[in-house]
Structure formats: structure tokens, C-alpha cells
Amino acid sequence: MSISVGIFDEHKIAQEGISSLLSGIDDIEVVIKVTHRQGLNEKLRYTVVNVLLMNVHEITVQMFNLVSQLSINYPKVKVLIISVHNHEDFVLKIIKAGAKGFLAKDTERNELIEAIYTLRNGYDYLVNQ
């Protein structure tokens, strides 16, 4: 059974980069790529997504609220945060908001893939940075 992955990033080039990293893996399929919050809700309503990769550029109240709303409205979607902000306080807050995993932006491809499998299997994924 394939893992359906969504990518939420405001930069299309970053979406394509992440999508490229995941291409060629037989049981991982990128099913949505979204740049805006409104588009994200629309796509999640009509598309099965197992893991949502969310690239966080800025730490804002709206970002924490979005993660919280996603975990409430789409409990089967496991949110994996990718960010340059890897200090412990941020990671703990984003997990408390509802994210199921966290990766720093300097993460290798193999670790991204491992995180996706881990979340799909029902476990959280956190790495000590």
C-alpha cells in the first residue's frame, strides 16, 4: 500500500525539490502540492493524504494555529514539520500544537524517507539536533 504525501510550502521550487527527493520510491506518492493555506484545506477535503510535509519558514501564531487545526480537522493526516528553526522550544511547541514529526532543513534524503515511514506506521518522529 502506497503512502500518500502532501507538500505544503509557499515556494514552488522547494516543493519540486522535496518532490524530486521522493520520486523513484515505489511506495511513496506525492498526491498534492500546495502553496496557500486555503488551497491546503480544499485539497485535504478531497484527497487522501497520509503524511503532510509542512515547510515552516517563519514562526508565527498563525502557523501554530494551522498545525492545530490540521490535527483536529484531519486527524488521519500526520504533519511532518521541516524547518531551519530547530531549537528545542520551537520543536516542543509545534509538537504540542499537533505535528507528529520534525526534521531540520539540513536533513538527508534517507532521514526524510525514514520519517515518512515512521509517521505512516503510527509513530512520532523527532531527531535530536
C-alpha atoms as a PDB file:
ATOM      1  CA  MET A   1       0.000   0.000   0.000  1.00  0.00           C
ATOM      2  CA  SER A   2       1.450   3.301  -1.055  1.00  0.00           C
ATOM      3  CA  ILE A   3       1.965   6.280   1.265  1.00  0.00           C
ATOM      4  CA  SER A   4       0.174   9.411   0.049  1.00  0.00           C
ATOM      5  CA  VAL A   5       2.253  12.509   0.737  1.00  0.00           C
ATOM      6  CA  GLY A   6       1.289  16.164   0.549  1.00  0.00           C
ATOM      7  CA  ILE A   7       3.730  19.065   0.385  1.00  0.00           C
ATOM      8  CA  PHE A   8       2.781  22.458   1.808  1.00  0.00           C
ATOM      9  CA  ASP A   9       5.339  25.145   1.046  1.00  0.00           C
ATOM     10  CA  GLU A  10       4.844  28.681  -0.202  1.00  0.00           C
ATOM     11  CA  HIS A  11       7.799  28.279  -2.572  1.00  0.00           C
ATOM     12  CA  LYS A  12       7.137  26.117  -5.638  1.00  0.00           C
ATOM     13  CA  ILE A  13      10.833  25.435  -6.168  1.00  0.00           C
ATOM     14  CA  ALA A  14      11.067  23.968  -2.647  1.00  0.00           C
ATOM     15  CA  GLN A  15       8.001  21.812  -3.356  1.00  0.00           C
ATOM     16  CA  GLU A  16       9.622  20.500  -6.507  1.00  0.00           C
ATOM     17  CA  GLY A  17      12.863  19.811  -4.649  1.00  0.00           C
ATOM     18  CA  ILE A  18      11.112  17.757  -1.980  1.00  0.00           C
ATOM     19  CA  SER A  19       9.007  16.001  -4.603  1.00  0.00           C
ATOM     20  CA  SER A  20      12.170  15.160  -6.542  1.00  0.00           C
ATOM     21  CA  LEU A  21      13.750  13.668  -3.411  1.00  0.00           C
ATOM     22  CA  LEU A  22      10.758  11.346  -3.079  1.00  0.00           C
ATOM     23  CA  SER A  23      10.473  10.373  -6.740  1.00  0.00           C
ATOM     24  CA  GLY A  24      11.521   6.863  -7.590  1.00  0.00           C
ATOM     25  CA  ILE A  25      10.390   5.422  -4.266  1.00  0.00           C
ATOM     26  CA  ASP A  26       7.789   2.837  -5.236  1.00  0.00           C
ATOM     27  CA  ASP A  27       5.507   3.105  -2.226  1.00  0.00           C
ATOM     28  CA  ILE A  28       5.594   6.892  -1.700  1.00  0.00           C
ATOM     29  CA  GLU A  29       3.419   9.067  -3.921  1.00  0.00           C
ATOM     30  CA  VAL A  30       3.211  12.862  -3.781  1.00  0.00           C
ATOM     31  CA  VAL A  31      -0.519  13.483  -4.282  1.00  0.00           C
ATOM     32  CA  ILE A  32      -0.791  17.221  -3.541  1.00  0.00           C
ATOM     33  CA  LYS A  33       1.476  20.266  -3.623  1.00  0.00           C
ATOM     34  CA  VAL A  34       0.036  23.428  -2.117  1.00  0.00           C
ATOM     35  CA  THR A  35       1.356  26.971  -1.676  1.00  0.00           C
ATOM     36  CA  HIS A  36      -1.571  28.609   0.169  1.00  0.00           C
ATOM     37  CA  ARG A  37      -3.496  27.750   3.323  1.00  0.00           C
ATOM     38  CA  GLN A  38      -6.877  27.992   1.560  1.00  0.00           C
ATOM     39  CA  GLY A  39      -5.730  25.588  -1.103  1.00  0.00           C
ATOM     40  CA  LEU A  40      -4.485  23.198   1.559  1.00  0.00           C
ATOM     41  CA  ASN A  41      -7.889  22.844   3.224  1.00  0.00           C
ATOM     42  CA  GLU A  42      -9.563  22.403  -0.153  1.00  0.00           C
ATOM     43  CA  LYS A  43      -7.129  19.675  -1.253  1.00  0.00           C
ATOM     44  CA  LEU A  44      -7.229  17.812   2.080  1.00  0.00           C
ATOM     45  CA  ARG A  45     -11.027  17.664   1.890  1.00  0.00           C
ATOM     46  CA  TYR A  46     -10.900  15.712  -1.355  1.00  0.00           C
ATOM     47  CA  THR A  47      -7.557  13.902  -1.339  1.00  0.00           C
ATOM     48  CA  VAL A  48      -6.324  11.109   0.913  1.00  0.00           C
ATOM     49  CA  VAL A  49      -3.036  12.256   2.449  1.00  0.00           C
ATOM     50  CA  ASN A  50      -1.170  10.082   4.960  1.00  0.00           C
ATOM     51  CA  VAL A  51       1.737  12.436   5.646  1.00  0.00           C
ATOM     52  CA  LEU A  52       1.808  16.200   5.090  1.00  0.00           C
ATOM     53  CA  LEU A  53       5.261  17.756   4.791  1.00  0.00           C
ATOM     54  CA  MET A  54       4.973  21.338   6.006  1.00  0.00           C
ATOM     55  CA  ASN A  55       7.905  23.654   5.414  1.00  0.00           C
ATOM     56  CA  VAL A  56       7.967  26.325   8.146  1.00  0.00           C
ATOM     57  CA  HIS A  57       9.840  29.482   7.187  1.00  0.00           C
ATOM     58  CA  GLU A  58       8.621  31.801   9.932  1.00  0.00           C
ATOM     59  CA  ILE A  59       7.462  31.089  13.465  1.00  0.00           C
ATOM     60  CA  THR A  60       4.046  32.736  13.781  1.00  0.00           C
ATOM     61  CA  VAL A  61       0.883  32.282  15.803  1.00  0.00           C
ATOM     62  CA  GLN A  62      -0.932  31.557  12.531  1.00  0.00           C
ATOM     63  CA  MET A  63       1.462  28.702  11.780  1.00  0.00           C
ATOM     64  CA  PHE A  64       0.855  27.091  15.193  1.00  0.00           C
ATOM     65  CA  ASN A  65      -2.902  27.585  14.710  1.00  0.00           C
ATOM     66  CA  LEU A  66      -2.749  25.948  11.287  1.00  0.00           C
ATOM     67  CA  VAL A  67      -0.960  22.883  12.654  1.00  0.00           C
ATOM     68  CA  SER A  68      -3.517  22.662  15.462  1.00  0.00           C
ATOM     69  CA  GLN A  69      -6.458  22.989  13.053  1.00  0.00           C
ATOM     70  CA  LEU A  70      -4.991  20.354  10.744  1.00  0.00           C
ATOM     71  CA  SER A  71      -4.628  17.875  13.605  1.00  0.00           C
ATOM     72  CA  ILE A  72      -8.247  18.483  14.650  1.00  0.00           C
ATOM     73  CA  ASN A  73      -9.889  18.618  11.206  1.00  0.00           C
ATOM     74  CA  TYR A  74      -7.773  15.899   9.559  1.00  0.00           C
ATOM     75  CA  PRO A  75      -6.651  13.543  12.359  1.00  0.00           C
ATOM     76  CA  LYS A  76      -5.520  10.846   9.901  1.00  0.00           C
ATOM     77  CA  VAL A  77      -3.071  13.266   8.266  1.00  0.00           C
ATOM     78  CA  LYS A  78       0.290  13.166  10.053  1.00  0.00           C
ATOM     79  CA  VAL A  79       2.015  16.554   9.875  1.00  0.00           C
ATOM     80  CA  LEU A  80       5.799  16.473   9.479  1.00  0.00           C
ATOM     81  CA  ILE A  81       7.423  19.877  10.010  1.00  0.00           C
ATOM     82  CA  ILE A  82      10.562  20.774   8.076  1.00  0.00           C
ATOM     83  CA  SER A  83      12.257  23.938   9.298  1.00  0.00           C
ATOM     84  CA  VAL A  84      15.503  25.798   9.894  1.00  0.00           C
ATOM     85  CA  HIS A  85      14.112  26.638  13.329  1.00  0.00           C
ATOM     86  CA  ASN A  86      15.318  23.575  15.207  1.00  0.00           C
ATOM     87  CA  HIS A  87      15.672  24.936  18.724  1.00  0.00           C
ATOM     88  CA  GLU A  88      14.040  22.832  21.417  1.00  0.00           C
ATOM     89  CA  ASP A  89      11.412  25.405  22.421  1.00  0.00           C
ATOM     90  CA  PHE A  90      10.033  25.625  18.878  1.00  0.00           C
ATOM     91  CA  VAL A  91      10.045  21.861  18.351  1.00  0.00           C
ATOM     92  CA  LEU A  92       8.189  21.243  21.622  1.00  0.00           C
ATOM     93  CA  LYS A  93       5.581  23.910  20.815  1.00  0.00           C
ATOM     94  CA  ILE A  94       4.956  22.625  17.297  1.00  0.00           C
ATOM     95  CA  ILE A  95       4.551  19.050  18.568  1.00  0.00           C
ATOM     96  CA  LYS A  96       2.177  20.293  21.261  1.00  0.00           C
ATOM     97  CA  ALA A  97       0.200  22.080  18.514  1.00  0.00           C
ATOM     98  CA  GLY A  98      -0.327  18.734  16.776  1.00  0.00           C
ATOM     99  CA  ALA A  99       2.613  17.962  14.498  1.00  0.00           C
ATOM    100  CA  LYS A 100       3.716  14.330  14.602  1.00  0.00           C
ATOM    101  CA  GLY A 101       7.255  14.846  13.419  1.00  0.00           C
ATOM    102  CA  PHE A 102      10.060  17.331  12.939  1.00  0.00           C
ATOM    103  CA  LEU A 103      13.070  17.491  10.633  1.00  0.00           C
ATOM    104  CA  ALA A 104      15.693  20.202  10.294  1.00  0.00           C
ATOM    105  CA  LYS A 105      16.167  21.590   6.782  1.00  0.00           C
ATOM    106  CA  ASP A 106      19.669  20.138   6.557  1.00  0.00           C
ATOM    107  CA  THR A 107      18.274  16.611   6.832  1.00  0.00           C
ATOM    108  CA  GLU A 108      19.463  13.978   4.363  1.00  0.00           C
ATOM    109  CA  ARG A 109      17.074  12.263   1.928  1.00  0.00           C
ATOM    110  CA  ASN A 110      17.241   8.923   3.762  1.00  0.00           C
ATOM    111  CA  GLU A 111      16.128  10.541   7.002  1.00  0.00           C
ATOM    112  CA  LEU A 112      13.181  12.237   5.267  1.00  0.00           C
ATOM    113  CA  ILE A 113      12.097   8.869   3.898  1.00  0.00           C
ATOM    114  CA  GLU A 114      12.542   7.224   7.307  1.00  0.00           C
ATOM    115  CA  ALA A 115      10.401   9.947   8.910  1.00  0.00           C
ATOM    116  CA  ILE A 116       7.606   9.403   6.369  1.00  0.00           C
ATOM    117  CA  TYR A 117       7.567   5.637   7.012  1.00  0.00           C
ATOM    118  CA  THR A 118       7.675   6.189  10.781  1.00  0.00           C
ATOM    119  CA  LEU A 119       4.681   8.535  10.711  1.00  0.00           C
ATOM    120  CA  ARG A 120       2.748   6.230   8.395  1.00  0.00           C
ATOM    121  CA  ASN A 121       3.339   3.406  10.882  1.00  0.00           C
ATOM    122  CA  GLY A 122       1.728   5.439  13.670  1.00  0.00           C
ATOM    123  CA  TYR A 123       4.801   6.729  15.489  1.00  0.00           C
ATOM    124  CA  ASP A 124       6.072  10.256  16.051  1.00  0.00           C
ATOM    125  CA  TYR A 125       9.417  11.238  14.532  1.00  0.00           C
ATOM    126  CA  LEU A 126      11.770  13.592  16.336  1.00  0.00           C
ATOM    127  CA  VAL A 127      15.502  13.909  15.891  1.00  0.00           C
ATOM    128  CA  ASN A 128      17.911  15.391  18.415  1.00  0.00           C
ATOM    129  CA  GLN A 129      19.725  18.228  16.691  1.00  0.00           C
END
